[in-house]
């Protein structure tokens, strides 16, 4: 297996390189603060949004590299996190859903924190880094030298206690939850069946409550994160600390003061809420939002592509909630950054900040993620590295590039088997080219996989049947639909131009690149 070859090559490489990198006592190893945010799209001040209030995310952007054209490998949590954490594409990790355990299907795969642990780092974390449904109960035990941390009741506000199913704190919601829990138990339902029973009856998409920050999970979680940061700063070993924030993932729950930052009437509605002209139906979805009890029945695109059943008031409420939840998360991030400064860690700590994928806020009539469109696949990535000047770059990057980038910044040998490339050249020269294009993919029912390559201007997507994956021989006969979008002339993806004559040469070029990409994956 490739990992076994890697062990041999890296053992030799480590012997050759480590004395010069870390052998001298006066050479200080770089710590890594690794920050993940669930469902955060690039609706951030430093990405050009002047309405949203994200001063602490912007602090990171002001001090580091902002990757303006960064893309995830798959626009859903489990697969994209597995790829980012291993530097390998989904067709290698074999995590394409929210139930496959990464090491069940790929036991020898190497994770980023695991590699740092092998290089003498103390590694631990708190919050959502991997998707817990795709790793073991220890949040991927091989990744951590210290046990992964749960946020216990002691970290929550004493006035509220822990939030209930889905993260709710409003008294009226908690009363209904308690009522339905009792009903479920009376019917003999336990565990997941009980939760399903409750959430079928009460699961609001938003919550605005006049409560302290630590009434919700991110406020409580940052307390534990700051304890860990303090503990690790006192040790002799360098550390790799992973901190995951839960918001702005649905439901959009946040203390009232963050809702009060915005006027609902000013919430920006998506300007294009229809099916793209000539767009294939397979490209669309709407299922995640439907699971919330205050969302009306939503018709499918096959019935009426111009109406998803969400009125303007509900759209503004959801966008308001997304902004409020983002600002709430940002405030908790500020507490973490303040603690790092207080501990004097800024000069020898690499900060990696990422949102696991994008999020539709009504564009194409879509909500949530689960597509190969721009709003789902484009995701924020920022890296602060001592000694590298702040910059914004429009160079194409993708999440599999994070692993090799952090290795190079920390002075560690880069594993030779990774799919990603180091982004350090972009950090040092914003005009450099590391990737000609990024690759995202998304599965659909009927054993169809959509593969999408995004260059600096265009996106080409193939929808391929018969349970095709890129590590198999490709045949054009398997392609059931194609999409091509030109972001220079059509940034909202209003028209699929794949069959338009003026794009014949562009399509042929991108199709050639797609086929070459498939060939490189057959290993």
Protein backbone atom coordinates (compact mmCIF):
# COMPACT_ATOMS: atom_id res chain seq x y z
CA UNK A 1 0.00 0.00 0.00
CA UNK A 2 1.14 3.58 -0.54
CA UNK A 3 1.32 4.24 3.17
CA UNK A 4 3.81 1.41 3.71
CA UNK A 5 6.07 2.84 1.00
CA UNK A 6 5.68 6.21 2.67
CA UNK A 7 6.89 4.85 6.03
CA UNK A 8 10.09 3.54 4.46
CA UNK A 9 10.85 6.69 2.47
CA UNK A 10 9.99 9.06 5.29
CA UNK A 11 12.06 7.15 7.85
CA UNK A 12 15.14 7.69 5.69
CA UNK A 13 14.14 11.29 4.92
CA UNK A 14 13.55 12.10 8.59
CA UNK A 15 16.97 10.77 9.58
CA UNK A 16 18.56 12.95 6.92
CA UNK A 17 16.63 16.15 7.58
CA UNK A 18 15.62 16.35 11.21
CA UNK A 19 19.08 17.13 12.67
CA UNK A 20 19.33 20.25 10.52
CA UNK A 21 15.73 21.30 11.06
CA UNK A 22 15.33 20.55 14.74
CA UNK A 23 18.66 19.25 15.96
CA UNK A 24 19.99 22.49 17.37
CA UNK A 25 18.55 23.47 20.74
CA UNK A 26 18.10 27.08 19.71
CA UNK A 27 15.78 26.17 16.81
CA UNK A 28 12.20 26.55 17.97
CA UNK A 29 9.55 24.31 16.47
CA UNK A 30 6.38 25.99 15.26
CA UNK A 31 3.12 25.26 17.04
CA UNK A 32 -0.05 24.82 15.00
CA UNK A 33 -3.46 26.23 15.94
CA UNK A 34 -5.87 24.50 13.58
CA UNK A 35 -9.33 26.11 13.46
CA UNK A 36 -12.31 24.59 11.66
CA UNK A 37 -15.75 26.20 11.25
CA UNK A 38 -18.84 24.21 10.28
CA UNK A 39 -20.76 25.42 7.19
CA UNK A 40 -18.89 28.74 6.96
CA UNK A 41 -18.92 30.14 3.44
CA UNK A 42 -16.76 33.11 2.39
CA UNK A 43 -19.36 35.59 3.68
CA UNK A 44 -16.64 37.31 5.70
CA UNK A 45 -15.32 40.84 5.90
CA UNK A 46 -11.86 40.00 4.60
CA UNK A 47 -13.47 38.20 1.64
CA UNK A 48 -15.29 41.37 0.66
CA UNK A 49 -18.63 41.22 2.52
CA UNK A 50 -19.09 44.69 4.03
CA UNK A 51 -22.36 43.87 5.81
CA UNK A 52 -21.41 40.90 7.96
CA UNK A 53 -19.53 41.56 11.21
CA UNK A 54 -16.56 39.22 11.54
CA UNK A 55 -13.79 41.29 13.16
CA UNK A 56 -11.93 38.32 14.61
CA UNK A 57 -11.88 36.25 11.44
CA UNK A 58 -10.66 39.45 9.79
CA UNK A 59 -7.84 39.61 12.37
CA UNK A 60 -6.57 36.33 10.98
CA UNK A 61 -6.95 37.57 7.40
CA UNK A 62 -5.11 40.80 8.21
CA UNK A 63 -2.11 38.87 9.52
CA UNK A 64 -1.95 35.99 7.05
CA UNK A 65 -2.70 34.71 3.58
CA UNK A 66 -6.32 34.83 2.42
CA UNK A 67 -6.99 32.25 -0.28
CA UNK A 68 -9.76 33.87 -2.27
CA UNK A 69 -10.31 31.01 -4.69
CA UNK A 70 -10.20 27.95 -2.47
CA UNK A 71 -12.38 24.88 -2.97
CA UNK A 72 -13.45 21.84 -0.97
CA UNK A 73 -13.29 18.27 -2.26
CA UNK A 74 -16.94 17.51 -1.54
CA UNK A 75 -19.57 19.91 -0.24
CA UNK A 76 -20.61 17.92 2.80
CA UNK A 77 -18.87 17.61 6.13
CA UNK A 78 -17.64 14.01 6.47
CA UNK A 79 -15.96 13.58 3.08
CA UNK A 80 -14.43 17.05 2.82
CA UNK A 81 -12.99 16.89 6.34
CA UNK A 82 -11.56 13.42 5.70
CA UNK A 83 -9.85 14.77 2.58
CA UNK A 84 -8.49 17.90 4.26
CA UNK A 85 -7.19 15.95 7.24
CA UNK A 86 -5.38 13.39 5.08
CA UNK A 87 -4.40 15.39 2.01
CA UNK A 88 -6.17 12.77 -0.12
CA UNK A 89 -9.18 12.99 -2.45
CA UNK A 90 -12.49 11.29 -1.58
CA UNK A 91 -11.94 8.51 -4.10
CA UNK A 92 -8.82 7.57 -2.11
CA UNK A 93 -10.25 8.02 1.40
CA UNK A 94 -13.42 6.20 0.24
CA UNK A 95 -15.48 8.53 2.44
CA UNK A 96 -18.33 9.70 0.22
CA UNK A 97 -21.09 9.94 2.82
CA UNK A 98 -21.85 10.59 6.51
CA UNK A 99 -21.69 7.01 7.75
CA UNK A 100 -18.46 5.47 6.44
CA UNK A 101 -15.69 5.25 9.04
CA UNK A 102 -12.49 6.47 7.39
CA UNK A 103 -10.20 3.85 8.90
CA UNK A 104 -12.61 0.98 8.35
CA UNK A 105 -12.16 1.39 4.60
CA UNK A 106 -8.61 2.78 4.66
CA UNK A 107 -6.89 1.60 7.87
CA UNK A 108 -3.37 2.74 6.94
CA UNK A 109 -4.28 6.27 5.92
CA UNK A 110 -2.16 8.99 7.55
CA UNK A 111 -3.76 12.09 9.04
CA UNK A 112 -2.16 15.51 9.44
CA UNK A 113 -2.15 15.54 13.27
CA UNK A 114 -0.99 11.91 13.29
CA UNK A 115 1.98 12.88 11.17
CA UNK A 116 2.79 15.80 13.48
CA UNK A 117 2.54 13.43 16.45
CA UNK A 118 5.06 11.15 14.73
CA UNK A 119 7.36 14.18 14.45
CA UNK A 120 7.32 14.84 18.20
CA UNK A 121 4.29 17.11 18.57
CA UNK A 122 1.64 16.98 21.28
CA UNK A 123 -1.67 16.76 19.45
CA UNK A 124 -5.19 17.18 20.77
CA UNK A 125 -8.39 19.05 20.04
CA UNK A 126 -11.91 20.06 20.97
CA UNK A 127 -15.03 20.57 18.89
CA UNK A 128 -15.74 19.27 15.38
CA UNK A 129 -12.61 18.63 13.32
CA UNK A 130 -13.47 15.34 11.69
CA UNK A 131 -17.14 14.58 11.21
CA UNK A 132 -17.79 12.28 14.21
CA UNK A 133 -19.89 9.98 12.02
CA UNK A 134 -16.82 9.18 9.92
CA UNK A 135 -14.29 8.36 12.64
CA UNK A 136 -14.11 6.29 15.83
CA UNK A 137 -15.55 7.36 19.18
CA UNK A 138 -12.22 8.99 20.07
CA UNK A 139 -12.44 11.37 17.08
CA UNK A 140 -9.81 9.30 15.23
CA UNK A 141 -7.62 7.98 18.02
CA UNK A 142 -4.42 7.70 15.92
CA UNK A 143 -4.50 11.49 15.38
CA UNK A 144 -4.10 12.50 19.00
CA UNK A 145 -1.35 12.05 21.57
CA UNK A 146 -3.69 13.41 24.26
CA UNK A 147 -7.33 12.26 24.46
CA UNK A 148 -9.71 14.30 22.36
CA UNK A 149 -11.84 16.62 24.48
CA UNK A 150 -15.58 16.67 25.04
CA UNK A 151 -17.30 19.84 26.21
CA UNK A 152 -18.80 18.85 29.56
CA UNK A 153 -21.63 20.44 31.49
CA UNK A 154 -19.18 22.46 33.60
CA UNK A 155 -18.37 24.67 30.62
CA UNK A 156 -21.95 25.80 30.03
CA UNK A 157 -23.72 28.69 31.73
CA UNK A 158 -25.07 27.66 35.13
CA UNK A 159 -28.25 29.60 34.40
CA UNK A 160 -29.11 27.48 31.36
CA UNK A 161 -27.22 24.20 31.48
CA UNK A 162 -26.51 22.35 28.26
CA UNK A 163 -28.72 23.03 25.24
CA UNK A 164 -31.19 20.35 24.25
CA UNK A 165 -31.42 18.29 21.06
CA UNK A 166 -30.14 20.37 18.17
CA UNK A 167 -28.70 23.03 20.49
CA UNK A 168 -31.88 24.76 21.71
CA UNK A 169 -32.24 26.88 24.85
CA UNK A 170 -35.57 28.74 24.58
CA UNK A 171 -37.78 27.55 27.47
CA UNK A 172 -40.82 26.95 25.25
CA UNK A 173 -38.75 24.82 22.87
CA UNK A 174 -37.22 22.86 25.73
CA UNK A 175 -40.66 22.15 27.18
CA UNK A 176 -41.85 20.74 23.87
CA UNK A 177 -38.69 18.67 23.51
CA UNK A 178 -39.22 17.24 27.00
CA UNK A 179 -42.84 16.44 26.14
CA UNK A 180 -41.90 14.55 22.99
CA UNK A 181 -39.01 12.75 24.71
CA UNK A 182 -41.51 11.45 27.26
CA UNK A 183 -43.86 10.33 24.49
CA UNK A 184 -41.03 8.57 22.69
CA UNK A 185 -39.96 6.71 25.81
CA UNK A 186 -43.53 5.65 26.48
CA UNK A 187 -43.52 4.09 23.03
CA UNK A 188 -40.29 2.25 23.79
CA UNK A 189 -38.13 4.41 21.54
CA UNK A 190 -34.53 5.01 22.60
CA UNK A 191 -31.34 6.47 21.14
CA UNK A 192 -31.50 7.60 17.52
CA UNK A 193 -35.14 6.50 17.19
CA UNK A 194 -36.12 8.71 20.12
CA UNK A 195 -34.25 11.71 18.69
CA UNK A 196 -35.89 11.16 15.30
CA UNK A 197 -39.32 11.08 16.95
CA UNK A 198 -38.65 14.35 18.76
CA UNK A 199 -37.12 16.19 15.82
CA UNK A 200 -39.97 15.19 13.54
CA UNK A 201 -42.18 17.25 15.86
CA UNK A 202 -39.99 20.11 17.07
CA UNK A 203 -36.84 21.24 15.27
CA UNK A 204 -36.87 24.98 14.54
CA UNK A 205 -34.37 26.32 12.02
CA UNK A 206 -33.57 29.42 14.12
CA UNK A 207 -33.45 30.53 17.75
CA UNK A 208 -32.91 34.01 19.18
CA UNK A 209 -32.62 34.06 22.98
CA UNK A 210 -31.30 36.69 25.38
CA UNK A 211 -28.64 34.43 26.86
CA UNK A 212 -24.89 34.47 27.54
CA UNK A 213 -22.44 33.11 24.98
CA UNK A 214 -21.76 29.96 26.99
CA UNK A 215 -25.39 28.90 26.80
CA UNK A 216 -24.49 27.46 23.38
CA UNK A 217 -21.82 25.02 22.30
CA UNK A 218 -19.23 27.41 20.82
CA UNK A 219 -19.21 29.60 23.91
CA UNK A 220 -18.70 26.57 26.11
CA UNK A 221 -16.21 24.99 23.72
CA UNK A 222 -13.89 27.98 23.61
CA UNK A 223 -13.57 27.80 27.41
CA UNK A 224 -12.16 24.30 27.08
CA UNK A 225 -10.02 25.35 24.10
CA UNK A 226 -8.44 28.13 26.13
CA UNK A 227 -7.68 25.70 28.96
CA UNK A 228 -5.95 23.43 26.47
CA UNK A 229 -4.02 26.31 24.94
CA UNK A 230 -2.77 27.32 28.39
CA UNK A 231 -1.84 23.74 29.27
CA UNK A 232 0.00 23.11 26.01
CA UNK A 233 1.89 26.43 26.17
CA UNK A 234 3.58 25.26 29.39
CA UNK A 235 4.96 22.05 27.90
CA UNK A 236 8.33 21.55 26.24
CA UNK A 237 6.86 19.86 23.18
CA UNK A 238 5.46 21.88 20.29
CA UNK A 239 1.73 21.43 19.94
CA UNK A 240 -0.91 20.88 17.28
CA UNK A 241 -4.20 22.08 18.77
CA UNK A 242 -7.37 21.62 16.72
CA UNK A 243 -10.41 23.72 17.63
CA UNK A 244 -13.72 23.19 15.87
CA UNK A 245 -16.61 25.68 15.93
CA UNK A 246 -20.18 24.47 15.39
CA UNK A 247 -21.81 27.60 14.03
CA UNK A 248 -23.05 28.78 11.59
CA UNK A 249 -24.32 25.25 10.94
CA UNK A 250 -28.09 24.83 11.19
CA UNK A 251 -30.02 25.40 13.35
CA UNK A 252 -29.12 29.07 13.47
CA UNK A 253 -29.06 29.52 17.24
CA UNK A 254 -27.23 32.45 18.80
CA UNK A 255 -27.66 34.89 21.69
CA UNK A 256 -29.92 37.84 20.95
CA UNK A 257 -27.10 40.40 20.92
CA UNK A 258 -25.74 38.85 17.71
CA UNK A 259 -29.15 38.98 16.03
CA UNK A 260 -29.34 42.63 17.10
CA UNK A 261 -26.24 43.41 15.05
CA UNK A 262 -28.36 43.24 11.90
CA UNK A 263 -31.59 44.59 10.51
CA UNK A 264 -33.65 41.84 8.95
CA UNK A 265 -34.93 44.07 6.19
CA UNK A 266 -31.33 44.62 5.09
CA UNK A 267 -30.60 40.91 4.68
CA UNK A 268 -29.41 40.34 1.08
CA UNK A 269 -31.67 37.99 -0.87
CA UNK A 270 -30.04 35.86 -3.54
CA UNK A 271 -30.49 37.72 -6.85
CA UNK A 272 -30.88 34.54 -8.91
CA UNK A 273 -33.15 31.87 -7.39
CA UNK A 274 -33.96 29.73 -10.41
CA UNK A 275 -32.71 26.71 -12.28
CA UNK A 276 -29.82 27.64 -14.57
CA UNK A 277 -30.90 27.71 -18.18
CA UNK A 278 -30.04 24.32 -19.74
CA UNK A 279 -28.96 23.05 -16.32
CA UNK A 280 -29.50 19.33 -15.60
CA UNK A 281 -31.93 18.47 -12.81
CA UNK A 282 -29.40 16.14 -11.21
CA UNK A 283 -27.30 19.16 -10.22
CA UNK A 284 -29.84 20.34 -7.63
CA UNK A 285 -30.97 19.37 -4.12
CA UNK A 286 -33.03 20.72 -1.23
CA UNK A 287 -33.25 17.92 1.29
CA UNK A 288 -31.35 19.14 4.41
CA UNK A 289 -33.49 22.20 5.07
CA UNK A 290 -36.68 20.14 4.74
CA UNK A 291 -35.88 18.35 8.00
CA UNK A 292 -36.63 21.47 10.08
CA UNK A 293 -40.11 21.66 11.54
CA UNK A 294 -40.73 25.33 10.65
CA UNK A 295 -39.85 24.94 6.96
CA UNK A 296 -42.92 24.53 4.73
CA UNK A 297 -43.14 21.69 2.26
CA UNK A 298 -40.81 22.53 -0.61
CA UNK A 299 -41.57 21.50 -4.16
CA UNK A 300 -38.79 19.98 -6.21
CA UNK A 301 -37.15 21.47 -9.27
CA UNK A 302 -38.76 18.78 -11.36
CA UNK A 303 -42.16 20.26 -10.43
CA UNK A 304 -41.46 23.98 -10.50
CA UNK A 305 -37.92 25.32 -10.82
CA UNK A 306 -38.94 28.88 -9.99
CA UNK A 307 -40.56 28.28 -6.59
CA UNK A 308 -39.13 26.35 -3.67
CA UNK A 309 -41.93 27.27 -1.28
CA UNK A 310 -39.94 29.68 0.89
CA UNK A 311 -41.49 33.12 1.14
CA UNK A 312 -39.36 36.24 1.36
CA UNK A 313 -39.85 36.66 5.10
CA UNK A 314 -38.55 33.16 5.81
CA UNK A 315 -35.62 33.67 3.46
CA UNK A 316 -34.64 36.85 5.30
CA UNK A 317 -35.02 35.08 8.65
CA UNK A 318 -32.68 32.29 7.57
CA UNK A 319 -30.09 34.70 6.17
CA UNK A 320 -30.38 36.80 9.33
CA UNK A 321 -29.82 33.63 11.35
CA UNK A 322 -26.78 32.67 9.30
CA UNK A 323 -25.24 36.11 9.83
CA UNK A 324 -26.05 36.11 13.56
CA UNK A 325 -24.62 32.63 14.05
CA UNK A 326 -21.48 33.61 12.13
CA UNK A 327 -20.96 36.72 14.28
CA UNK A 328 -21.52 34.63 17.41
CA UNK A 329 -18.89 32.15 16.30
CA UNK A 330 -16.57 35.04 15.42
CA UNK A 331 -16.83 36.44 18.95
CA UNK A 332 -15.82 33.06 20.41
CA UNK A 333 -12.89 32.92 18.01
CA UNK A 334 -11.82 36.30 19.37
CA UNK A 335 -11.53 34.81 22.86
CA UNK A 336 -9.24 32.10 21.50
CA UNK A 337 -7.05 34.61 19.65
CA UNK A 338 -6.89 36.83 22.74
CA UNK A 339 -5.71 33.88 24.83
CA UNK A 340 -3.01 33.06 22.30
CA UNK A 341 -1.74 36.64 22.46
CA UNK A 342 -1.91 36.64 26.24
CA UNK A 343 0.25 33.51 26.33
CA UNK A 344 2.81 35.02 23.96
CA UNK A 345 2.31 32.38 21.29
CA UNK A 346 1.86 34.54 18.19
CA UNK A 347 5.52 34.56 17.16
CA UNK A 348 5.89 30.79 17.01
CA UNK A 349 2.42 29.52 16.05
CA UNK A 350 1.02 28.77 12.62
CA UNK A 351 -2.71 29.48 12.45
CA UNK A 352 -4.80 27.57 9.93
CA UNK A 353 -8.43 28.73 9.61
CA UNK A 354 -10.95 26.97 7.36
CA UNK A 355 -14.65 26.47 6.81
CA UNK A 356 -15.37 22.93 5.63
CA UNK A 357 -17.36 23.94 2.51
CA UNK A 358 -19.64 26.67 1.22
CA UNK A 359 -23.38 27.10 1.74
CA UNK A 360 -26.31 28.09 -0.45
CA UNK A 361 -28.33 31.02 0.88
CA UNK A 362 -31.11 30.90 -1.69
CA UNK A 363 -29.07 31.08 -4.89
CA UNK A 364 -30.56 28.76 -7.52
CA UNK A 365 -33.39 28.37 -5.00
CA UNK A 366 -30.98 26.21 -2.96
CA UNK A 367 -30.24 26.11 0.75
CA UNK A 368 -27.47 24.25 2.58
CA UNK A 369 -24.70 22.56 0.53
CA UNK A 370 -24.61 19.18 -1.32
CA UNK A 371 -23.88 20.46 -4.85
CA UNK A 372 -21.01 21.17 -7.22
CA UNK A 373 -22.01 24.82 -7.66
CA UNK A 374 -19.75 27.71 -6.67
CA UNK A 375 -21.61 28.64 -3.50
CA UNK A 376 -21.27 25.10 -2.12
CA UNK A 377 -17.71 24.27 -3.18
CA UNK A 378 -15.91 27.57 -2.55
CA UNK A 379 -14.77 27.70 1.06
CA UNK A 380 -12.66 30.03 3.19
CA UNK A 381 -9.02 29.23 3.92
CA UNK A 382 -6.57 31.50 5.69
CA UNK A 383 -3.11 30.72 7.02
CA UNK A 384 -0.93 32.85 9.29
CA UNK A 385 2.74 31.88 9.34
CA UNK A 386 5.35 33.85 11.28
CA UNK A 387 7.82 35.41 8.86
CA UNK A 388 5.46 35.45 5.87
CA UNK A 389 3.86 38.78 5.01
CA UNK A 390 0.05 39.08 4.82
CA UNK A 391 -1.41 38.80 1.33
CA UNK A 392 -4.58 37.97 -0.56
CA UNK A 393 -4.27 35.60 -3.47
CA UNK A 394 -6.68 34.60 -6.23
CA UNK A 395 -4.58 31.55 -7.08
CA UNK A 396 -6.61 28.35 -7.17
CA UNK A 397 -6.27 26.18 -4.06
CA UNK A 398 -8.10 23.19 -2.63
CA UNK A 399 -8.36 21.59 0.80
CA UNK A 400 -6.07 18.68 0.03
CA UNK A 401 -3.31 21.32 -0.17
CA UNK A 402 -3.54 22.09 3.56
CA UNK A 403 -1.58 19.02 4.73
CA UNK A 404 1.57 19.65 2.65
CA UNK A 405 1.38 23.40 3.26
CA UNK A 406 1.39 23.08 7.05
CA UNK A 407 4.25 20.57 6.85
CA UNK A 408 6.41 22.95 4.84
CA UNK A 409 5.60 25.89 7.11
CA UNK A 410 6.54 23.82 10.18
CA UNK A 411 9.81 22.68 8.60
CA UNK A 412 8.74 19.05 8.30
CA UNK A 413 9.34 16.77 5.31
CA UNK A 414 6.25 16.59 3.12
CA UNK A 415 4.94 13.03 2.70
CA UNK A 416 5.48 12.00 -0.90
CA UNK A 417 2.13 10.27 -1.40
CA UNK A 418 -0.21 13.20 -0.81
CA UNK A 419 -2.68 14.35 -3.45
CA UNK A 420 -2.31 17.99 -2.47
CA UNK A 421 0.45 20.52 -3.13
CA UNK A 422 2.07 23.02 -0.81
CA UNK A 423 0.58 26.51 -1.07
CA UNK A 424 3.68 28.19 0.35
CA UNK A 425 4.62 29.55 -3.12
CA UNK A 426 1.26 31.38 -3.19
CA UNK A 427 1.85 32.69 0.32
CA UNK A 428 5.17 34.17 -0.75
CA UNK A 429 4.01 35.36 -4.18
CA UNK A 430 0.29 35.93 -4.63
CA UNK A 431 0.64 35.68 -8.43
CA UNK A 432 2.25 32.24 -8.38
CA UNK A 433 0.41 29.23 -9.82
CA UNK A 434 0.20 26.07 -7.74
CA UNK A 435 -2.96 24.52 -9.23
CA UNK A 436 -4.35 24.94 -12.73
CA UNK A 437 -7.73 23.90 -11.35
CA UNK A 438 -9.44 22.47 -8.27
CA UNK A 439 -11.54 19.29 -8.27
CA UNK A 440 -14.77 18.82 -6.35
CA UNK A 441 -17.27 15.99 -6.57
CA UNK A 442 -20.71 15.09 -5.29
CA UNK A 443 -22.75 11.87 -5.44
CA UNK A 444 -26.41 11.56 -6.35
CA UNK A 445 -28.89 8.73 -5.93
CA UNK A 446 -28.78 6.19 -8.70
CA UNK A 447 -25.02 5.60 -8.30
CA UNK A 448 -24.12 8.81 -10.14
CA UNK A 449 -21.10 10.94 -9.26
CA UNK A 450 -20.63 14.53 -10.38
CA UNK A 451 -17.01 15.60 -10.95
CA UNK A 452 -16.30 19.32 -11.26
CA UNK A 453 -13.08 21.07 -12.21
CA UNK A 454 -12.84 24.78 -11.41
CA UNK A 455 -10.19 26.88 -13.13
CA UNK A 456 -9.68 30.57 -12.43
CA UNK A 457 -12.58 31.40 -14.79
CA UNK A 458 -14.59 28.29 -15.68
CA UNK A 459 -16.27 25.28 -14.09
CA UNK A 460 -16.86 22.05 -16.02
CA UNK A 461 -18.92 19.27 -14.43
CA UNK A 462 -19.47 15.71 -15.64
CA UNK A 463 -22.31 13.65 -14.13
CA UNK A 464 -21.19 10.03 -14.51
CA UNK A 465 -23.36 6.93 -14.01
CA UNK A 466 -22.76 3.29 -13.02
CA UNK A 467 -21.09 4.03 -9.69
CA UNK A 468 -18.04 5.48 -11.46
CA UNK A 469 -15.12 6.75 -9.41
CA UNK A 470 -12.03 8.49 -10.70
CA UNK A 471 -9.73 5.55 -9.92
CA UNK A 472 -11.54 3.53 -12.61
CA UNK A 473 -11.04 3.69 -16.39
CA UNK A 474 -13.12 6.51 -17.83
CA UNK A 475 -15.52 6.20 -20.76
CA UNK A 476 -17.44 9.11 -22.25
CA UNK A 477 -20.41 6.74 -22.64
CA UNK A 478 -20.90 6.93 -18.87
CA UNK A 479 -21.49 10.71 -18.86
CA UNK A 480 -25.21 11.47 -18.55
CA UNK A 481 -25.01 15.27 -18.21
CA UNK A 482 -22.49 18.11 -18.47
CA UNK A 483 -22.32 21.67 -17.18
CA UNK A 484 -20.07 24.58 -18.08
CA UNK A 485 -20.16 28.00 -16.41
CA UNK A 486 -18.21 31.14 -17.24
CA UNK A 487 -17.71 33.17 -14.05
CA UNK A 488 -16.35 36.21 -15.84
CA UNK A 489 -19.56 36.77 -17.80
CA UNK A 490 -21.99 34.87 -15.57
CA UNK A 491 -20.91 34.79 -11.90
CA UNK A 492 -24.38 33.66 -10.77
CA UNK A 493 -24.34 30.53 -12.96
CA UNK A 494 -27.54 31.49 -14.73
CA UNK A 495 -26.73 29.67 -17.99
CA UNK A 496 -25.11 26.30 -18.63
CA UNK A 497 -23.11 27.08 -21.79
CA UNK A 498 -21.71 23.60 -22.39
CA UNK A 499 -23.44 23.31 -25.80
CA UNK A 500 -22.96 26.89 -26.99
CA UNK A 501 -20.72 27.23 -30.06
CA UNK A 502 -18.59 30.08 -28.74
CA UNK A 503 -17.45 27.80 -25.89
CA UNK A 504 -16.51 24.81 -28.07
CA UNK A 505 -12.77 25.32 -27.66
CA UNK A 506 -13.03 26.02 -23.93
CA UNK A 507 -15.18 22.92 -23.39
CA UNK A 508 -12.76 20.74 -25.35
CA UNK A 509 -9.80 22.04 -23.36
CA UNK A 510 -11.48 21.47 -20.00
CA UNK A 511 -12.79 18.06 -21.02
CA UNK A 512 -9.25 17.09 -21.94
CA UNK A 513 -8.04 18.23 -18.54
CA UNK A 514 -10.83 16.27 -16.82
CA UNK A 515 -9.89 13.07 -18.65
CA UNK A 516 -6.20 13.55 -17.85
CA UNK A 517 -7.16 14.05 -14.21
CA UNK A 518 -9.07 10.76 -14.20
CA UNK A 519 -6.01 8.98 -15.61
CA UNK A 520 -3.80 10.34 -12.83
CA UNK A 521 -6.13 8.84 -10.24
CA UNK A 522 -5.84 5.27 -11.56
CA UNK A 523 -3.14 4.06 -9.21
